Amino acid sequence: MTKKILVLILVVITTISYAQEGTSSPYSFYGIGLQKFKGTVENRSMGGLSILSDSIHINLQNPSTYGELQLTTYTVGANYNGLNLDNAAGDDSYKDNASLDYLAIGIPAGKFGFGLGVIPLNSVGYQTIRFDDDGSQRLFSGSGGVNKVFVSAGFKVNENLNVGLDFNYNFGNIENKAILRRPAVEFDTREISRSDLSGVSLSFGATYRTMITDKLELTTSVVSTPSFDLKSRNTLELATIRIATNGTETVIENQEVTVEDRDVELPAELKFGAGIGQPKKWFVGTEYTFLDSDNFNNRSSAIDDVVYKKASKYRVGGFYIPNYRSLTSYLSRVTYRAGIRYEETGLNINGQAIDEFGISFGIGLPVGNLFSNANVGFEFGTRGTTNAGLVKEEFFNLSLSLSLNDKWFRKVKFN
């Protein structure tokens, strides 16, 4: 019954995640939107580190970690994002949204571990307005994104080394709308462009752990995601419309315009990490990611003064558990996490790099039996700049997740 319920939930969440936006950033207009998934809540609370693996948590960023699972693990995560936008003139606005981040299951099978789930990868969601000198108004909005359904496998080669593979099916759609409203003109002009995206991708991962003293353990990891193509089927509609006072748009006349379908080449990514700690007590690590994004191309057409460049990401973080075996103090069994990250997105607009900086912290709260836990994470950060007519974003993320453990395939004994 539990398995049937999980499959039903997976289908429902897939449908929901296909439609949700998950961002309010105007920078999501470019490419295929902003990267939404940055790891589980446990990872994000440590600056996004993906190098950790253990027997009771799923690491959705490194497939090799499935080889460590000892219990069947279900995990689901959600996020609330608050976003404040500022420009050089001192104008600001606040937007927020809430969305599901991921749903997954990990299943141990001896030296193997398997996983499957769904993740919203990138999100598009923005509304902006521009006023021209002649009194015209230009309204821009967008929605959609790219999601992935994945199947993963990890293998424990020996006591120290794990390897793994992700197979992903990526899908989604992105719609951009532009409306021109001119004074003393009865009808307005609307343009809607839509891209339906799909494609497959692979990721390879390896984790190596070894005790360097009686108490200290060294962990290293590498994850490689080769470049892959998303097929993009593009449509464009031009229309004359009338907008009612309640915002309803009535089409007076419309026309479908033929546009070229083109593949979107997404960049290769290579990630290295290393850290040191005392098992089940504390850990501190760092991670570097290289993104070969200068070959990235927009999904429909080139945009003036917008280019993509090679990018790097840097993360530092860790956790501390006072005493995971404590029977008298609940707080001693809580996991305390913190981290920091600096990320180049690769996006460059009007000569300005659009980069991100974030500081995060969180806690893992034990619940029930079999090491299940609830996780809460907080992140404060910035994105972009007010230079060259752009906007600077200050964001706050509140992330929640459940990591629930069960034991499948029990041996039943009869006396």
Protein backbone atom coordinates (compact mmCIF):
# COMPACT_ATOMS: atom_id res chain seq x y z
CA MET A 1 0.00 0.00 0.00
CA THR A 2 2.82 2.41 0.87
CA LYS A 3 4.37 1.88 -2.56
CA LYS A 4 1.06 2.52 -4.34
CA ILE A 5 0.52 5.74 -2.38
CA LEU A 6 4.04 6.90 -3.25
CA VAL A 7 3.49 6.30 -6.97
CA LEU A 8 0.22 8.26 -6.82
CA ILE A 9 1.92 11.15 -5.03
CA LEU A 10 4.72 11.10 -7.60
CA VAL A 11 2.25 11.47 -10.47
CA VAL A 12 0.43 14.32 -8.69
CA ILE A 13 3.64 16.16 -7.85
CA THR A 14 4.90 15.75 -11.42
CA THR A 15 1.74 17.42 -12.71
CA ILE A 16 1.97 20.23 -10.17
CA SER A 17 5.68 20.87 -10.71
CA TYR A 18 5.10 21.05 -14.47
CA ALA A 19 2.90 24.11 -13.96
CA GLN A 20 4.48 25.96 -11.04
CA GLU A 21 6.78 28.92 -11.58
CA GLY A 22 8.95 28.95 -8.45
CA THR A 23 10.54 32.36 -9.09
CA SER A 24 9.66 36.04 -9.47
CA SER A 25 13.02 37.18 -10.85
CA PRO A 26 13.17 39.22 -14.09
CA TYR A 27 16.48 37.42 -14.80
CA SER A 28 14.42 34.27 -15.37
CA PHE A 29 13.51 35.73 -18.79
CA TYR A 30 16.87 34.64 -20.19
CA GLY A 31 17.82 31.20 -21.46
CA ILE A 32 15.60 28.54 -19.90
CA GLY A 33 15.13 30.49 -16.66
CA LEU A 34 16.98 30.53 -13.36
CA GLN A 35 18.32 27.38 -11.75
CA LYS A 36 15.73 26.37 -9.17
CA PHE A 37 17.05 23.13 -7.73
CA LYS A 38 20.19 23.61 -5.62
CA GLY A 39 20.06 20.39 -3.61
CA THR A 40 17.95 18.99 -0.82
CA VAL A 41 17.20 21.15 2.21
CA GLU A 42 20.04 19.35 4.01
CA ASN A 43 22.44 20.32 1.19
CA ARG A 44 21.16 23.88 0.81
CA SER A 45 21.55 24.54 4.53
CA MET A 46 25.29 23.86 4.10
CA GLY A 47 25.81 26.24 1.19
CA GLY A 48 24.70 23.63 -1.34
CA LEU A 49 27.40 21.02 -0.60
CA SER A 50 26.80 17.78 -2.50
CA ILE A 51 29.71 15.69 -1.20
CA LEU A 52 28.07 14.14 1.87
CA SER A 53 26.58 10.66 1.94
CA ASP A 54 25.17 8.49 4.70
CA SER A 55 22.81 5.56 5.24
CA ILE A 56 19.57 7.50 5.95
CA HIS A 57 19.53 10.57 3.64
CA ILE A 58 19.14 10.92 -0.12
CA ASN A 59 21.66 13.16 -1.88
CA LEU A 60 20.00 14.22 -5.14
CA GLN A 61 23.17 15.86 -6.49
CA ASN A 62 25.51 12.86 -6.49
CA PRO A 63 24.22 9.44 -7.66
CA SER A 64 27.12 7.54 -6.08
CA THR A 65 25.70 8.24 -2.61
CA TYR A 66 22.84 5.75 -3.20
CA GLY A 67 25.38 3.01 -2.54
CA GLU A 68 25.48 4.07 1.13
CA LEU A 69 21.75 3.70 1.82
CA GLN A 70 20.76 1.12 4.44
CA LEU A 71 17.08 2.03 4.74
CA THR A 72 14.42 2.86 2.16
CA THR A 73 14.17 6.63 2.28
CA TYR A 74 11.41 8.96 1.07
CA THR A 75 12.06 12.66 0.82
CA VAL A 76 9.97 15.67 -0.21
CA GLY A 77 10.95 19.34 -0.07
CA ALA A 78 9.20 22.69 -0.46
CA ASN A 79 10.44 26.27 -0.58
CA TYR A 80 9.14 29.78 0.13
CA ASN A 81 11.02 32.56 -1.65
CA GLY A 82 10.80 36.27 -0.83
CA LEU A 83 12.40 38.64 -3.34
CA ASN A 84 13.11 42.37 -3.08
CA LEU A 85 14.14 44.16 -6.31
CA ASP A 86 16.03 47.48 -6.44
CA ASN A 87 17.23 49.64 -9.34
CA ALA A 88 19.67 52.53 -9.60
CA ALA A 89 16.85 55.08 -9.23
CA GLY A 90 16.01 53.73 -5.79
CA ASP A 91 12.73 52.11 -6.80
CA ASP A 92 12.01 48.78 -5.17
CA SER A 93 9.32 46.12 -5.10
CA TYR A 94 8.70 42.89 -3.19
CA LYS A 95 7.45 39.60 -4.61
CA ASP A 96 7.13 36.12 -3.18
CA ASN A 97 6.13 32.61 -4.17
CA ALA A 98 6.03 29.09 -2.77
CA SER A 99 6.71 25.85 -4.62
CA LEU A 100 7.55 22.18 -4.30
CA ASP A 101 11.27 21.50 -4.75
CA TYR A 102 11.55 17.73 -5.12
CA LEU A 103 10.06 14.33 -4.41
CA ALA A 104 12.21 11.20 -4.40
CA ILE A 105 12.69 7.72 -3.02
CA GLY A 106 15.92 5.79 -2.41
CA ILE A 107 15.95 1.99 -2.16
CA PRO A 108 18.95 -0.03 -0.87
CA ALA A 109 19.69 -3.46 -2.37
CA GLY A 110 22.92 -4.85 -0.93
CA LYS A 111 25.89 -3.10 -2.47
CA PHE A 112 23.52 -1.28 -4.82
CA GLY A 113 21.18 1.61 -4.14
CA PHE A 114 18.50 2.95 -6.46
CA GLY A 115 16.55 6.18 -6.61
CA LEU A 116 13.79 7.80 -8.59
CA GLY A 117 11.89 11.05 -8.35
CA VAL A 118 10.99 14.38 -9.91
CA ILE A 119 12.75 17.75 -9.61
CA PRO A 120 11.90 21.22 -11.02
CA LEU A 121 15.28 22.22 -12.46
CA ASN A 122 14.78 25.75 -13.85
CA SER A 123 11.98 28.26 -13.40
CA VAL A 124 10.61 31.21 -15.35
CA GLY A 125 8.29 33.66 -13.61
CA TYR A 126 8.35 37.45 -14.00
CA GLN A 127 6.18 40.51 -14.62
CA THR A 128 7.70 43.84 -15.63
CA ILE A 129 6.49 47.08 -17.24
CA ARG A 130 8.37 49.71 -19.26
CA PHE A 131 7.18 53.24 -20.07
CA ASP A 132 8.25 54.82 -23.38
CA ASP A 133 8.74 58.52 -24.01
CA ASP A 134 5.61 58.69 -26.19
CA GLY A 135 3.43 57.46 -23.31
CA SER A 136 3.29 53.85 -24.48
CA GLN A 137 3.43 50.99 -22.02
CA ARG A 138 5.17 47.66 -22.63
CA LEU A 139 4.10 44.83 -20.34
CA PHE A 140 6.27 41.71 -20.16
CA SER A 141 5.51 38.45 -18.36
CA GLY A 142 6.70 34.86 -18.45
CA SER A 143 6.01 31.51 -16.84
CA GLY A 144 7.05 27.87 -16.98
CA GLY A 145 10.32 26.04 -16.61
CA VAL A 146 12.15 22.74 -17.05
CA ASN A 147 11.66 19.68 -14.84
CA LYS A 148 13.34 16.31 -14.73
CA VAL A 149 12.24 12.80 -13.87
CA PHE A 150 15.24 10.71 -12.90
CA VAL A 151 16.30 7.14 -12.23
CA SER A 152 19.58 6.72 -10.36
CA ALA A 153 21.84 3.85 -9.31
CA GLY A 154 24.79 3.79 -6.93
CA PHE A 155 27.24 0.95 -6.28
CA LYS A 156 29.51 0.40 -3.30
CA VAL A 157 32.72 -0.81 -4.92
CA ASN A 158 34.46 -1.34 -1.59
CA GLU A 159 34.51 0.09 1.91
CA ASN A 160 35.87 3.40 0.65
CA LEU A 161 34.64 3.95 -2.93
CA ASN A 162 31.13 4.46 -4.34
CA VAL A 163 30.21 5.17 -7.97
CA GLY A 164 26.85 6.08 -9.49
CA LEU A 165 24.83 7.15 -12.52
CA ASP A 166 21.78 9.41 -13.06
CA PHE A 167 19.54 8.98 -16.09
CA ASN A 168 17.26 11.99 -16.54
CA TYR A 169 14.33 12.84 -18.77
CA ASN A 170 13.99 16.63 -18.93
CA PHE A 171 10.76 18.28 -20.02
CA GLY A 172 8.77 21.49 -19.70
CA ASN A 173 7.49 24.58 -21.46
CA ILE A 174 8.22 28.30 -21.29
CA GLU A 175 5.83 31.04 -22.34
CA ASN A 176 6.75 34.72 -22.74
CA LYS A 177 4.16 37.43 -23.35
CA ALA A 178 4.67 41.05 -24.42
CA ILE A 179 1.86 43.61 -24.72
CA LEU A 180 2.19 47.08 -26.26
CA ARG A 181 -0.37 49.65 -25.08
CA ARG A 182 -0.33 53.00 -26.91
CA PRO A 183 -2.22 56.13 -25.92
CA ALA A 184 -5.25 57.09 -28.02
CA VAL A 185 -5.24 53.69 -29.76
CA GLU A 186 -8.33 51.52 -29.38
CA PHE A 187 -6.61 48.14 -29.49
CA ASP A 188 -3.41 46.80 -28.00
CA THR A 189 -0.81 44.51 -29.60
CA ARG A 190 0.16 41.20 -28.01
CA GLU A 191 2.96 38.75 -28.78
CA ILE A 192 3.13 35.28 -27.18
CA SER A 193 6.11 33.01 -27.76
CA ARG A 194 6.15 29.47 -26.41
CA SER A 195 8.83 26.79 -26.31
CA ASP A 196 8.09 23.13 -25.53
CA LEU A 197 11.29 21.48 -24.32
CA SER A 198 12.37 17.86 -23.94
CA GLY A 199 15.55 15.79 -23.84
CA VAL A 200 17.59 13.25 -21.90
CA SER A 201 20.79 13.70 -19.91
CA LEU A 202 23.24 11.71 -17.78
CA SER A 203 25.33 12.44 -14.69
CA PHE A 204 28.21 10.38 -13.30
CA GLY A 205 29.37 10.52 -9.71
CA ALA A 206 32.02 9.04 -7.42
CA THR A 207 32.65 9.38 -3.69
CA TYR A 208 35.75 8.25 -1.79
CA ARG A 209 35.90 8.15 2.00
CA THR A 210 38.74 7.03 4.26
CA MET A 211 39.68 7.36 7.93
CA ILE A 212 42.89 9.36 8.26
CA THR A 213 43.02 9.03 12.07
CA ASP A 214 41.04 7.05 14.61
CA LYS A 215 38.35 9.76 14.61
CA LEU A 216 38.79 11.86 11.47
CA GLU A 217 37.38 10.87 8.09
CA LEU A 218 38.31 12.42 4.74
CA THR A 219 35.59 12.61 2.06
CA THR A 220 36.16 13.49 -1.59
CA SER A 221 33.72 13.49 -4.50
CA VAL A 222 33.37 14.28 -8.18
CA VAL A 223 30.25 14.65 -10.34
CA SER A 224 30.32 15.08 -14.11
CA THR A 225 27.35 16.09 -16.28
CA PRO A 226 28.20 16.15 -20.00
CA SER A 227 26.64 18.74 -22.31
CA PHE A 228 23.27 17.73 -23.71
CA ASP A 229 20.59 19.08 -26.03
CA LEU A 230 17.01 19.98 -25.29
CA LYS A 231 14.71 19.83 -28.28
CA SER A 232 12.74 23.07 -28.49
CA ARG A 233 9.50 23.30 -30.47
CA ASN A 234 8.72 27.00 -30.80
CA THR A 235 5.52 28.85 -31.64
CA LEU A 236 4.74 32.56 -31.99
CA GLU A 237 1.35 34.25 -32.00
CA LEU A 238 0.71 37.92 -32.85
CA ALA A 239 -2.67 39.36 -31.90
CA THR A 240 -4.69 42.54 -31.64
CA ILE A 241 -6.47 42.57 -28.29
CA ARG A 242 -8.69 44.62 -26.05
CA ILE A 243 -7.90 44.63 -22.32
CA ALA A 244 -10.85 45.10 -19.95
CA THR A 245 -10.62 47.01 -16.68
CA ASN A 246 -10.37 43.69 -14.79
CA GLY A 247 -7.38 42.65 -16.92
CA THR A 248 -9.23 40.19 -19.17
CA GLU A 249 -7.76 40.02 -22.67
CA THR A 250 -10.17 39.69 -25.64
CA VAL A 251 -8.62 38.73 -28.98
CA ILE A 252 -9.81 40.85 -31.90
CA GLU A 253 -7.56 39.31 -34.53
CA ASN A 254 -4.63 36.91 -34.31
CA GLN A 255 -2.03 35.28 -36.54
CA GLU A 256 0.33 32.34 -36.10
CA VAL A 257 3.88 33.11 -37.22
CA THR A 258 6.25 30.34 -38.34
CA VAL A 259 9.42 30.25 -36.24
CA GLU A 260 12.40 27.95 -36.35
CA ASP A 261 12.62 24.95 -34.03
CA ARG A 262 16.10 24.62 -32.62
CA ASP A 263 17.92 22.51 -30.07
CA VAL A 264 19.13 24.20 -26.90
CA GLU A 265 22.65 23.05 -26.01
CA LEU A 266 22.94 23.04 -22.24
CA PRO A 267 26.44 23.35 -20.77
CA ALA A 268 28.61 20.60 -19.33
CA GLU A 269 29.26 20.74 -15.59
CA LEU A 270 32.12 19.33 -13.50
CA LYS A 271 32.02 19.38 -9.71
CA PHE A 272 34.80 18.59 -7.20
CA GLY A 273 34.48 18.50 -3.41
CA ALA A 274 36.43 17.53 -0.31
CA GLY A 275 35.86 17.68 3.42
CA ILE A 276 36.91 16.34 6.78
CA GLY A 277 34.97 15.40 9.88
CA GLN A 278 34.16 12.98 12.64
CA PRO A 279 31.43 10.54 11.51
CA LYS A 280 28.01 11.25 13.05
CA LYS A 281 29.49 14.22 14.94
CA TRP A 282 30.72 17.06 12.70
CA PHE A 283 31.86 17.83 9.16
CA VAL A 284 33.25 20.78 7.21
CA GLY A 285 33.84 20.77 3.46
CA THR A 286 34.28 22.82 0.33
CA GLU A 287 33.22 22.37 -3.29
CA TYR A 288 34.10 23.86 -6.67
CA THR A 289 31.94 23.64 -9.80
CA PHE A 290 32.97 24.53 -13.35
CA LEU A 291 30.20 25.33 -15.85
CA ASP A 292 31.15 25.35 -19.53
CA SER A 293 28.35 27.79 -20.33
CA ASP A 294 29.92 29.91 -23.07
CA ASN A 295 28.40 27.54 -25.66
CA PHE A 296 24.89 27.94 -24.27
CA ASN A 297 22.40 29.25 -26.81
CA ASN A 298 18.99 30.82 -26.25
CA ARG A 299 15.97 28.63 -26.94
CA SER A 300 14.50 30.69 -29.83
CA SER A 301 16.68 33.61 -30.95
CA ALA A 302 19.68 35.69 -29.99
CA ILE A 303 19.16 38.69 -27.69
CA ASP A 304 21.25 41.85 -28.09
CA ASP A 305 23.79 42.60 -25.33
CA VAL A 306 23.21 39.20 -23.70
CA VAL A 307 25.93 36.54 -23.72
CA TYR A 308 26.88 33.51 -21.65
CA LYS A 309 30.40 32.90 -20.36
CA LYS A 310 32.20 30.09 -18.57
CA ALA A 311 31.25 30.14 -14.89
CA SER A 312 32.49 28.89 -11.52
CA LYS A 313 30.72 28.15 -8.25
CA TYR A 314 32.23 27.99 -4.77
CA ARG A 315 30.65 26.48 -1.66
CA VAL A 316 31.74 25.96 1.94
CA GLY A 317 29.63 24.38 4.67
CA GLY A 318 29.20 21.71 7.28
CA PHE A 319 27.17 20.31 10.18
CA TYR A 320 27.44 19.54 13.89
CA ILE A 321 25.56 16.99 16.04
CA PRO A 322 26.20 17.30 19.81
CA ASN A 323 25.31 13.66 20.60
CA TYR A 324 23.17 11.63 18.19
CA ARG A 325 22.78 8.82 20.78
CA SER A 326 21.53 11.01 23.63
CA LEU A 327 18.50 9.58 25.44
CA THR A 328 17.98 12.55 27.78
CA SER A 329 18.40 15.61 25.54
CA TYR A 330 16.44 16.05 22.29
CA LEU A 331 18.51 19.12 21.33
CA SER A 332 21.68 17.03 21.53
CA ARG A 333 20.32 14.84 18.71
CA VAL A 334 19.47 17.81 16.47
CA THR A 335 21.73 18.39 13.44
CA TYR A 336 22.92 22.00 13.11
CA ARG A 337 24.02 23.11 9.61
CA ALA A 338 25.53 26.25 8.05
CA GLY A 339 27.21 27.29 4.81
CA ILE A 340 28.09 30.00 2.32
CA ARG A 341 28.17 30.09 -1.49
CA TYR A 342 29.25 32.34 -4.33
CA GLU A 343 28.04 31.43 -7.82
CA GLU A 344 28.62 32.84 -11.27
CA THR A 345 25.51 32.11 -13.33
CA GLY A 346 27.35 32.62 -16.62
CA LEU A 347 24.72 35.16 -17.72
CA ASN A 348 26.17 38.52 -18.81
CA ILE A 349 23.82 41.44 -19.63
CA ASN A 350 25.05 44.82 -20.94
CA GLY A 351 28.57 43.81 -19.90
CA GLN A 352 27.50 42.99 -16.33
CA ALA A 353 27.91 39.52 -14.83
CA ILE A 354 24.81 38.27 -13.01
CA ASP A 355 26.21 36.48 -9.97
CA GLU A 356 24.72 35.13 -6.73
CA PHE A 357 25.86 35.15 -3.12
CA GLY A 358 24.13 33.34 -0.27
CA ILE A 359 24.53 32.54 3.41
CA SER A 360 22.53 29.62 4.79
CA PHE A 361 21.86 27.71 7.98
CA GLY A 362 19.40 25.09 9.13
CA ILE A 363 18.52 22.27 11.49
CA GLY A 364 17.57 18.62 11.20
CA LEU A 365 14.95 17.52 13.74
CA PRO A 366 14.65 13.80 14.61
CA VAL A 367 11.09 12.48 14.29
CA GLY A 368 9.59 9.04 14.88
CA ASN A 369 11.63 5.88 14.62
CA LEU A 370 14.31 4.60 12.22
CA PHE A 371 16.18 7.92 12.06
CA SER A 372 13.48 9.87 10.16
CA ASN A 373 13.86 13.66 10.38
CA ALA A 374 12.31 16.99 9.43
CA ASN A 375 14.64 19.65 8.05
CA VAL A 376 14.34 23.42 8.06
CA GLY A 377 16.69 25.68 6.14
CA PHE A 378 17.12 29.45 5.80
CA GLU A 379 19.10 31.38 3.20
CA PHE A 380 19.76 35.08 2.67
CA GLY A 381 21.45 36.31 -0.49
CA THR A 382 21.77 38.66 -3.44
CA ARG A 383 21.69 38.35 -7.22
CA GLY A 384 22.57 40.82 -9.98
CA THR A 385 23.51 44.51 -9.91
CA THR A 386 21.97 47.95 -10.34
CA ASN A 387 24.62 48.92 -12.91
CA ALA A 388 23.78 49.37 -16.61
CA GLY A 389 20.05 49.75 -15.96
CA LEU A 390 19.70 46.33 -14.29
CA VAL A 391 18.14 45.33 -10.97
CA LYS A 392 19.69 43.93 -7.82
CA GLU A 393 17.74 41.23 -6.02
CA GLU A 394 17.86 40.47 -2.33
CA PHE A 395 16.27 37.11 -1.59
CA PHE A 396 15.20 35.02 1.36
CA ASN A 397 14.51 31.28 1.13
CA LEU A 398 12.71 29.22 3.74
CA SER A 399 13.00 25.52 2.89
CA LEU A 400 11.24 22.58 4.53
CA SER A 401 11.64 18.86 3.95
CA LEU A 402 10.81 15.46 5.34
CA SER A 403 13.22 12.54 5.14
CA LEU A 404 11.33 9.39 6.16
CA ASN A 405 12.92 5.97 6.59
CA ASP A 406 11.45 2.50 6.29
CA LYS A 407 12.81 -1.01 6.00
CA TRP A 408 11.66 -2.99 2.98
CA PHE A 409 12.28 -6.65 2.20
CA ARG A 410 12.19 -7.83 5.81
CA LYS A 411 12.81 -11.54 6.32
CA VAL A 412 9.77 -13.04 7.99
CA LYS A 413 10.48 -15.91 10.41
CA PHE A 414 7.95 -18.41 11.70
CA ASN A 415 8.40 -20.42 14.87
